[in-house]
Amino acid sequence: MGLVSDGLDRAVHKAFTRPIPKSAGAQMRYLVRQLKGTRQVAELLGVSQRTVERYVKDQIRRPRPDLAERLADAVRARWQPRIREQARKQAATSTGIIIDTRARFGFTAAPGTTDDARLRHLTLALALPPAYASRLFDAQAAGATEQQLRAITAEGLGETYFRDGGRRAHGLEVEFTDVEQLDFDL
């Protein structure tokens, strides 16, 4: 995944109303219920079906670090799908997305203006408009590349922060590069 896609996922995960199961056994039992069988879980995680059965029965309690990460990621990806969809829908229709980023912003502007790229730390107190949130979530669901997601984010930042909704800096095109940190919030 990429920085933008992971940031969008983290933002949606903040909307969860209950924490994901903590123990490996509880996580395995959840996946077995969701995927309707131990064979499917074993294929998903890259372990044997017998290993999954032992976790379900709490015969094994501590997974290897790589398996623990894959297990937690698989559970998180399936946890509270309706809550996740409600959060995306609300951001895409009414609230928008709040962005906190530290990145290099360069500009293409009219002659005689500054176009030097420089590092900026931006926190948009006003969220990106719902139209950009909708475009980001739709592109992510369609499997857009990291570069495409960054382009949508740059366009939204340019419209909201730099051009102030069309009140200034007409014709300014924003380049969003060298991203050091990027967080989203719904």
C-alpha atoms as a PDB file:
ATOM      1  CA  MET A   1       0.000   0.000   0.000  1.00  0.00           C
ATOM      2  CA  GLY A   2       1.029   3.590  -0.031  1.00  0.00           C
ATOM      3  CA  LEU A   3       1.126   6.558   2.269  1.00  0.00           C
ATOM      4  CA  VAL A   4      -2.207   8.035   1.149  1.00  0.00           C
ATOM      5  CA  SER A   5      -4.051   4.715   1.042  1.00  0.00           C
ATOM      6  CA  ASP A   6      -2.760   3.681   4.472  1.00  0.00           C
ATOM      7  CA  GLY A   7      -3.667   7.105   5.868  1.00  0.00           C
ATOM      8  CA  LEU A   8      -7.226   6.797   4.566  1.00  0.00           C
ATOM      9  CA  ASP A   9      -7.513   3.330   6.121  1.00  0.00           C
ATOM     10  CA  ARG A  10      -6.245   4.594   9.491  1.00  0.00           C
ATOM     11  CA  ALA A  11      -8.776   7.438   9.409  1.00  0.00           C
ATOM     12  CA  VAL A  12     -11.630   5.042   8.766  1.00  0.00           C
ATOM     13  CA  HIS A  13     -10.388   2.696  11.509  1.00  0.00           C
ATOM     14  CA  LYS A  14     -10.736   5.544  14.016  1.00  0.00           C
ATOM     15  CA  ALA A  15     -14.489   5.324  13.456  1.00  0.00           C
ATOM     16  CA  PHE A  16     -14.665   1.791  14.900  1.00  0.00           C
ATOM     17  CA  THR A  17     -17.000   1.552  17.866  1.00  0.00           C
ATOM     18  CA  ARG A  18     -15.265  -1.498  19.363  1.00  0.00           C
ATOM     19  CA  PRO A  19     -11.609  -2.513  19.382  1.00  0.00           C
ATOM     20  CA  ILE A  20     -10.529  -5.496  17.289  1.00  0.00           C
ATOM     21  CA  PRO A  21      -9.982  -8.761  19.219  1.00  0.00           C
ATOM     22  CA  LYS A  22      -6.647  -8.765  21.052  1.00  0.00           C
ATOM     23  CA  SER A  23      -5.629 -12.416  21.372  1.00  0.00           C
ATOM     24  CA  ALA A  24      -4.522 -14.537  18.446  1.00  0.00           C
ATOM     25  CA  GLY A  25      -7.200 -17.129  19.248  1.00  0.00           C
ATOM     26  CA  ALA A  26      -9.985 -14.550  19.225  1.00  0.00           C
ATOM     27  CA  GLN A  27      -8.670 -13.077  15.973  1.00  0.00           C
ATOM     28  CA  MET A  28      -8.541 -16.547  14.357  1.00  0.00           C
ATOM     29  CA  ARG A  29     -12.077 -17.374  15.538  1.00  0.00           C
ATOM     30  CA  TYR A  30     -13.305 -14.098  14.053  1.00  0.00           C
ATOM     31  CA  LEU A  31     -11.658 -14.841  10.705  1.00  0.00           C
ATOM     32  CA  VAL A  32     -13.022 -18.393  10.675  1.00  0.00           C
ATOM     33  CA  ARG A  33     -16.554 -16.995  11.194  1.00  0.00           C
ATOM     34  CA  GLN A  34     -16.053 -14.340   8.508  1.00  0.00           C
ATOM     35  CA  LEU A  35     -14.498 -16.630   5.891  1.00  0.00           C
ATOM     36  CA  LYS A  36     -16.655 -19.638   6.875  1.00  0.00           C
ATOM     37  CA  GLY A  37     -13.906 -22.176   7.376  1.00  0.00           C
ATOM     38  CA  THR A  38     -10.422 -22.887   8.572  1.00  0.00           C
ATOM     39  CA  ARG A  39      -9.117 -23.759   5.095  1.00  0.00           C
ATOM     40  CA  GLN A  40      -9.896 -20.280   3.752  1.00  0.00           C
ATOM     41  CA  VAL A  41      -8.192 -18.647   6.751  1.00  0.00           C
ATOM     42  CA  ALA A  42      -5.139 -20.890   6.312  1.00  0.00           C
ATOM     43  CA  GLU A  43      -4.871 -19.898   2.642  1.00  0.00           C
ATOM     44  CA  LEU A  44      -5.293 -16.217   3.498  1.00  0.00           C
ATOM     45  CA  LEU A  45      -2.569 -16.254   6.156  1.00  0.00           C
ATOM     46  CA  GLY A  46      -0.203 -18.710   4.458  1.00  0.00           C
ATOM     47  CA  VAL A  47      -0.251 -21.302   7.242  1.00  0.00           C
ATOM     48  CA  SER A  48      -1.569 -24.859   7.496  1.00  0.00           C
ATOM     49  CA  GLN A  49      -5.191 -25.598   8.259  1.00  0.00           C
ATOM     50  CA  ARG A  50      -4.071 -27.501  11.372  1.00  0.00           C
ATOM     51  CA  THR A  51      -2.267 -24.396  12.655  1.00  0.00           C
ATOM     52  CA  VAL A  52      -5.467 -22.371  12.316  1.00  0.00           C
ATOM     53  CA  GLU A  53      -7.398 -25.057  14.206  1.00  0.00           C
ATOM     54  CA  ARG A  54      -4.844 -24.985  17.035  1.00  0.00           C
ATOM     55  CA  TYR A  55      -5.175 -21.197  17.355  1.00  0.00           C
ATOM     56  CA  VAL A  56      -8.982 -21.507  17.382  1.00  0.00           C
ATOM     57  CA  LYS A  57      -8.753 -24.031  20.264  1.00  0.00           C
ATOM     58  CA  ASP A  58      -6.172 -21.837  22.072  1.00  0.00           C
ATOM     59  CA  GLN A  59      -3.574 -24.610  21.866  1.00  0.00           C
ATOM     60  CA  ILE A  60      -1.189 -22.037  20.397  1.00  0.00           C
ATOM     61  CA  ARG A  61      -1.303 -18.575  21.946  1.00  0.00           C
ATOM     62  CA  ARG A  62       1.614 -16.542  20.590  1.00  0.00           C
ATOM     63  CA  PRO A  63       2.077 -16.278  16.824  1.00  0.00           C
ATOM     64  CA  ARG A  64       5.363 -15.422  15.158  1.00  0.00           C
ATOM     65  CA  PRO A  65       5.698 -11.648  14.643  1.00  0.00           C
ATOM     66  CA  ASP A  66       5.102 -11.858  10.878  1.00  0.00           C
ATOM     67  CA  LEU A  67       2.009 -14.042  11.353  1.00  0.00           C
ATOM     68  CA  ALA A  68       0.729 -11.783  14.141  1.00  0.00           C
ATOM     69  CA  GLU A  69       0.957  -8.790  11.791  1.00  0.00           C
ATOM     70  CA  ARG A  70      -0.786 -10.600   8.911  1.00  0.00           C
ATOM     71  CA  LEU A  71      -3.476 -11.819  11.306  1.00  0.00           C
ATOM     72  CA  ALA A  72      -4.151  -8.373  12.767  1.00  0.00           C
ATOM     73  CA  ASP A  73      -4.215  -6.819   9.275  1.00  0.00           C
ATOM     74  CA  ALA A  74      -6.694  -9.452   8.036  1.00  0.00           C
ATOM     75  CA  VAL A  75      -8.999  -8.877  11.013  1.00  0.00           C
ATOM     76  CA  ARG A  76      -8.738  -5.082  10.747  1.00  0.00           C
ATOM     77  CA  ALA A  77      -9.607  -5.235   7.033  1.00  0.00           C
ATOM     78  CA  ARG A  78     -12.856  -7.070   7.828  1.00  0.00           C
ATOM     79  CA  TRP A  79     -13.768  -5.475  11.174  1.00  0.00           C
ATOM     80  CA  GLN A  80     -17.063  -3.552  11.387  1.00  0.00           C
ATOM     81  CA  PRO A  81     -17.721  -3.158   7.653  1.00  0.00           C
ATOM     82  CA  ARG A  82     -20.964  -1.200   8.150  1.00  0.00           C
ATOM     83  CA  ILE A  83     -19.295   1.306  10.507  1.00  0.00           C
ATOM     84  CA  ARG A  84     -16.444   1.700   7.999  1.00  0.00           C
ATOM     85  CA  GLU A  85     -18.898   2.300   5.153  1.00  0.00           C
ATOM     86  CA  GLN A  86     -20.910   4.808   7.215  1.00  0.00           C
ATOM     87  CA  ALA A  87     -17.737   6.777   8.021  1.00  0.00           C
ATOM     88  CA  ARG A  88     -16.716   6.867   4.344  1.00  0.00           C
ATOM     89  CA  LYS A  89     -20.206   7.891   3.278  1.00  0.00           C
ATOM     90  CA  GLN A  90     -20.399  10.683   5.859  1.00  0.00           C
ATOM     91  CA  ALA A  91     -16.979  12.041   4.825  1.00  0.00           C
ATOM     92  CA  ALA A  92     -17.917  11.830   1.145  1.00  0.00           C
ATOM     93  CA  THR A  93     -21.287  13.547   1.538  1.00  0.00           C
ATOM     94  CA  SER A  94     -21.113  16.004   4.412  1.00  0.00           C
ATOM     95  CA  THR A  95     -18.023  16.326   6.620  1.00  0.00           C
ATOM     96  CA  GLY A  96     -15.043  15.885   4.288  1.00  0.00           C
ATOM     97  CA  ILE A  97     -11.544  14.858   5.408  1.00  0.00           C
ATOM     98  CA  ILE A  98      -9.106  16.726   7.640  1.00  0.00           C
ATOM     99  CA  ILE A  99      -5.483  16.500   6.487  1.00  0.00           C
ATOM    100  CA  ASP A 100      -2.326  16.950   8.526  1.00  0.00           C
ATOM    101  CA  THR A 101       0.794  16.746   6.373  1.00  0.00           C
ATOM    102  CA  ARG A 102       4.414  17.741   6.132  1.00  0.00           C
ATOM    103  CA  ALA A 103       5.512  17.716   2.520  1.00  0.00           C
ATOM    104  CA  ARG A 104       7.261  19.695  -0.164  1.00  0.00           C
ATOM    105  CA  PHE A 105       4.866  21.867  -2.100  1.00  0.00           C
ATOM    106  CA  GLY A 106       5.881  23.284  -5.442  1.00  0.00           C
ATOM    107  CA  PHE A 107       3.752  25.496  -7.619  1.00  0.00           C
ATOM    108  CA  THR A 108       3.237  26.256 -11.256  1.00  0.00           C
ATOM    109  CA  ALA A 109       2.022  29.832 -11.375  1.00  0.00           C
ATOM    110  CA  ALA A 110       2.044  32.952 -13.493  1.00  0.00           C
ATOM    111  CA  PRO A 111       5.420  34.505 -14.415  1.00  0.00           C
ATOM    112  CA  GLY A 112       6.859  36.804 -11.787  1.00  0.00           C
ATOM    113  CA  THR A 113       5.507  34.796  -8.853  1.00  0.00           C
ATOM    114  CA  THR A 114       7.407  32.393  -6.646  1.00  0.00           C
ATOM    115  CA  ASP A 115       7.419  28.797  -7.770  1.00  0.00           C
ATOM    116  CA  ASP A 116      10.141  27.544  -5.454  1.00  0.00           C
ATOM    117  CA  ALA A 117       9.173  24.320  -3.753  1.00  0.00           C
ATOM    118  CA  ARG A 118       9.555  24.287   0.017  1.00  0.00           C
ATOM    119  CA  LEU A 119       8.668  22.098   2.955  1.00  0.00           C
ATOM    120  CA  ARG A 120       5.449  23.055   4.695  1.00  0.00           C
ATOM    121  CA  HIS A 121       3.560  21.589   7.596  1.00  0.00           C
ATOM    122  CA  LEU A 122      -0.152  21.972   6.888  1.00  0.00           C
ATOM    123  CA  THR A 123      -3.067  21.106   9.093  1.00  0.00           C
ATOM    124  CA  LEU A 124      -6.338  21.990   7.473  1.00  0.00           C
ATOM    125  CA  ALA A 125      -8.726  22.976  10.261  1.00  0.00           C
ATOM    126  CA  LEU A 126     -11.409  23.087   7.612  1.00  0.00           C
ATOM    127  CA  ALA A 127     -11.697  19.712   6.009  1.00  0.00           C
ATOM    128  CA  LEU A 128     -11.195  18.969   2.354  1.00  0.00           C
ATOM    129  CA  PRO A 129     -14.615  19.303   0.732  1.00  0.00           C
ATOM    130  CA  PRO A 130     -16.739  16.141   0.571  1.00  0.00           C
ATOM    131  CA  ALA A 131     -16.270  15.981  -3.210  1.00  0.00           C
ATOM    132  CA  TYR A 132     -12.534  15.353  -2.740  1.00  0.00           C
ATOM    133  CA  ALA A 133     -13.191  12.841   0.049  1.00  0.00           C
ATOM    134  CA  SER A 134     -15.563  11.014  -2.274  1.00  0.00           C
ATOM    135  CA  ARG A 135     -13.003  11.023  -5.079  1.00  0.00           C
ATOM    136  CA  LEU A 136     -10.282   9.711  -2.750  1.00  0.00           C
ATOM    137  CA  PHE A 137     -12.426   6.862  -1.386  1.00  0.00           C
ATOM    138  CA  ASP A 138     -13.741   5.943  -4.859  1.00  0.00           C
ATOM    139  CA  ALA A 139     -10.228   5.916  -6.308  1.00  0.00           C
ATOM    140  CA  GLN A 140      -8.934   3.838  -3.413  1.00  0.00           C
ATOM    141  CA  ALA A 141     -11.771   1.325  -3.850  1.00  0.00           C
ATOM    142  CA  ALA A 142     -11.055   1.167  -7.596  1.00  0.00           C
ATOM    143  CA  GLY A 143      -7.406   0.297  -6.879  1.00  0.00           C
ATOM    144  CA  ALA A 144      -5.819   3.604  -7.830  1.00  0.00           C
ATOM    145  CA  THR A 145      -2.066   3.908  -7.575  1.00  0.00           C
ATOM    146  CA  GLU A 146      -0.360   5.940  -4.872  1.00  0.00           C
ATOM    147  CA  GLN A 147       0.511   8.597  -7.455  1.00  0.00           C
ATOM    148  CA  GLN A 148      -3.148   8.960  -8.480  1.00  0.00           C
ATOM    149  CA  LEU A 149      -4.232   9.289  -4.836  1.00  0.00           C
ATOM    150  CA  ARG A 150      -1.531  11.916  -4.255  1.00  0.00           C
ATOM    151  CA  ALA A 151      -2.739  13.836  -7.308  1.00  0.00           C
ATOM    152  CA  ILE A 152      -6.293  13.959  -5.930  1.00  0.00           C
ATOM    153  CA  THR A 153      -4.947  15.015  -2.528  1.00  0.00           C
ATOM    154  CA  ALA A 154      -2.800  17.746  -4.132  1.00  0.00           C
ATOM    155  CA  GLU A 155      -5.764  19.003  -6.108  1.00  0.00           C
ATOM    156  CA  GLY A 156      -7.865  19.170  -2.942  1.00  0.00           C
ATOM    157  CA  LEU A 157      -5.113  20.936  -0.993  1.00  0.00           C
ATOM    158  CA  GLY A 158      -4.627  23.377  -3.833  1.00  0.00           C
ATOM    159  CA  GLU A 159      -8.317  24.212  -3.991  1.00  0.00           C
ATOM    160  CA  THR A 160      -8.920  24.411  -0.251  1.00  0.00           C
ATOM    161  CA  TYR A 161      -5.687  25.877   1.125  1.00  0.00           C
ATOM    162  CA  PHE A 162      -3.787  27.633  -1.623  1.00  0.00           C
ATOM    163  CA  ARG A 163      -6.587  28.909  -3.863  1.00  0.00           C
ATOM    164  CA  ASP A 164      -9.008  29.333  -0.937  1.00  0.00           C
ATOM    165  CA  GLY A 165     -12.004  28.051  -2.864  1.00  0.00           C
ATOM    166  CA  GLY A 166     -11.324  30.284  -5.879  1.00  0.00           C
ATOM    167  CA  ARG A 167     -10.863  33.544  -3.948  1.00  0.00           C
ATOM    168  CA  ARG A 168      -7.127  33.868  -4.697  1.00  0.00           C
ATOM    169  CA  ALA A 169      -4.205  32.443  -6.684  1.00  0.00           C
ATOM    170  CA  HIS A 170      -6.200  31.675  -9.816  1.00  0.00           C
ATOM    171  CA  GLY A 171      -4.491  29.194 -12.118  1.00  0.00           C
ATOM    172  CA  LEU A 172      -2.151  27.897  -9.393  1.00  0.00           C
ATOM    173  CA  GLU A 173      -1.305  24.219  -9.833  1.00  0.00           C
ATOM    174  CA  VAL A 174       0.033  22.449  -6.739  1.00  0.00           C
ATOM    175  CA  GLU A 175       2.658  19.685  -6.776  1.00  0.00           C
ATOM    176  CA  PHE A 176       2.626  17.434  -3.695  1.00  0.00           C
ATOM    177  CA  THR A 177       6.047  15.720  -3.371  1.00  0.00           C
ATOM    178  CA  ASP A 178       8.545  14.501  -0.764  1.00  0.00           C
ATOM    179  CA  VAL A 179       5.788  13.629   1.694  1.00  0.00           C
ATOM    180  CA  GLU A 180       7.326  13.154   5.142  1.00  0.00           C
ATOM    181  CA  GLN A 181       4.124  12.710   7.097  1.00  0.00           C
ATOM    182  CA  LEU A 182       0.462  12.420   6.112  1.00  0.00           C
ATOM    183  CA  ASP A 183      -2.512  11.831   8.408  1.00  0.00           C
ATOM    184  CA  PHE A 184      -6.202  11.938   7.647  1.00  0.00           C
ATOM    185  CA  ASP A 185      -9.096  12.322  10.052  1.00  0.00           C
ATOM    186  CA  LEU A 186     -12.794  12.087   9.393  1.00  0.00           C
END
